[in-house]
Amino acid sequence: MKVGDQIAEVLDIHTNLSDAERRARVLDVMKAVRLPEPERMIRRHPTNLGRQRQRIMIAAALVLDPVLLIADGAEPPRSTSHAGADLEADQGVAPAAQHRRAVHHA
């Protein structure tokens, strides 16, 4: 299944959006996580994405505009705060320090 279809499936289950609206939302969220060439990326299979797979998973997690998103991974704390700053800049929200506290496990 192509990554665009995988992300759109979440919208199909949880919303009443039309096919065109789902596609537009998928492209919007892919742009928000700065995937290169979203129009081309939407038609690719996960096995052909290389390092972009993590961004696809983040896009899928953000597609329903969650109030809270908890992500766990091997990224060092510095990378995590940069990723949060990127999303804040794209979405026009206040800095992360005002909304949440990062907890890092050793």
Protein backbone atom coordinates (compact mmCIF):
# COMPACT_ATOMS: atom_id res chain seq x y z
CA MET A 1 0.00 0.00 0.00
CA LYS A 2 1.35 3.43 -0.92
CA VAL A 3 2.13 5.87 1.89
CA GLY A 4 -0.48 8.38 0.71
CA ASP A 5 -3.14 5.66 0.88
CA GLN A 6 -1.97 4.62 4.34
CA ILE A 7 -2.29 8.16 5.71
CA ALA A 8 -5.60 8.72 3.88
CA GLU A 9 -6.97 5.52 5.44
CA VAL A 10 -6.75 7.17 8.88
CA LEU A 11 -8.86 10.06 7.57
CA ASP A 12 -11.30 7.65 5.91
CA ILE A 13 -11.91 5.88 9.22
CA HIS A 14 -12.08 8.94 11.47
CA THR A 15 -13.58 11.70 9.28
CA ASN A 16 -16.25 12.32 6.68
CA LEU A 17 -13.88 13.97 4.20
CA SER A 18 -14.29 13.35 0.48
CA ASP A 19 -11.53 11.68 -1.53
CA ALA A 20 -10.28 15.07 -2.76
CA GLU A 21 -10.32 16.54 0.76
CA ARG A 22 -8.43 13.53 2.13
CA ARG A 23 -5.80 13.84 -0.59
CA ALA A 24 -5.41 17.56 0.09
CA ARG A 25 -5.06 16.92 3.83
CA VAL A 26 -2.46 14.20 3.24
CA LEU A 27 -0.44 16.54 1.03
CA ASP A 28 -0.73 19.34 3.61
CA VAL A 29 0.58 17.17 6.44
CA MET A 30 3.39 15.82 4.26
CA LYS A 31 4.42 19.40 3.50
CA ALA A 32 4.21 20.28 7.21
CA VAL A 33 6.82 17.64 8.06
CA ARG A 34 8.93 18.88 5.14
CA LEU A 35 8.88 15.79 2.99
CA PRO A 36 10.52 16.50 -0.35
CA GLU A 37 8.22 16.40 -3.37
CA PRO A 38 4.98 15.43 -1.56
CA GLU A 39 3.13 14.91 -4.87
CA ARG A 40 5.64 12.23 -5.81
CA MET A 41 6.11 10.90 -2.27
CA ILE A 42 2.39 10.20 -1.86
CA ARG A 43 2.62 7.50 -4.56
CA ARG A 44 5.62 5.65 -3.12
CA HIS A 45 5.73 2.49 -1.05
CA PRO A 46 7.31 2.63 2.44
CA THR A 47 10.08 0.26 1.42
CA ASN A 48 11.27 2.81 -1.17
CA LEU A 49 11.52 5.79 1.17
CA GLY A 50 14.86 5.31 2.88
CA ARG A 51 15.36 7.96 5.56
CA GLN A 52 11.99 9.59 4.88
CA ARG A 53 10.04 6.78 6.59
CA GLN A 54 10.24 8.52 9.96
CA ARG A 55 8.73 11.70 8.51
CA ILE A 56 5.92 9.65 6.95
CA MET A 57 5.14 8.17 10.38
CA ILE A 58 5.12 11.66 11.91
CA ALA A 59 2.79 12.85 9.15
CA ALA A 60 0.44 9.94 9.83
CA ALA A 61 0.45 10.78 13.54
CA LEU A 62 -0.32 14.45 12.86
CA VAL A 63 -2.99 14.03 10.18
CA LEU A 64 -5.87 14.17 12.69
CA ASP A 65 -4.43 17.23 14.50
CA PRO A 66 -3.91 15.53 17.87
CA VAL A 67 -3.88 17.62 21.03
CA LEU A 68 -1.04 15.53 22.40
CA LEU A 69 1.52 13.48 20.54
CA ILE A 70 3.98 11.32 22.43
CA ALA A 71 6.90 10.09 20.36
CA ASP A 72 9.59 7.75 21.55
CA GLY A 73 12.69 7.04 19.58
CA ALA A 74 16.44 6.91 19.46
CA GLU A 75 16.87 10.60 18.61
CA PRO A 76 19.03 12.59 21.04
CA PRO A 77 17.28 15.41 22.96
CA ARG A 78 18.86 18.14 20.80
CA SER A 79 17.36 16.68 17.61
CA THR A 80 13.97 16.37 19.27
CA SER A 81 13.89 20.05 20.22
CA HIS A 82 14.90 21.08 16.70
CA ALA A 83 12.11 18.97 15.21
CA GLY A 84 9.64 20.58 17.63
CA ALA A 85 10.87 24.03 16.67
CA ASP A 86 10.40 23.20 12.99
CA LEU A 87 6.81 22.13 13.57
CA GLU A 88 6.14 25.19 15.73
CA ALA A 89 7.42 27.47 12.99
CA ASP A 90 5.33 25.71 10.33
CA GLN A 91 2.14 25.65 12.38
CA GLY A 92 2.51 29.04 14.09
CA VAL A 93 2.26 27.80 17.67
CA ALA A 94 4.02 29.10 20.77
CA PRO A 95 7.39 27.60 21.71
CA ALA A 96 7.33 24.07 23.10
CA ALA A 97 8.74 25.18 26.45
CA GLN A 98 5.49 27.04 27.13
CA HIS A 99 3.33 23.96 26.53
CA ARG A 100 5.17 20.82 27.51
CA ARG A 101 8.17 19.40 29.25
CA ALA A 102 10.40 16.96 27.42
CA VAL A 103 11.20 13.76 29.27
CA HIS A 104 14.18 11.80 28.04
CA HIS A 105 15.03 8.28 29.14
CA ALA A 106 18.60 7.08 29.29
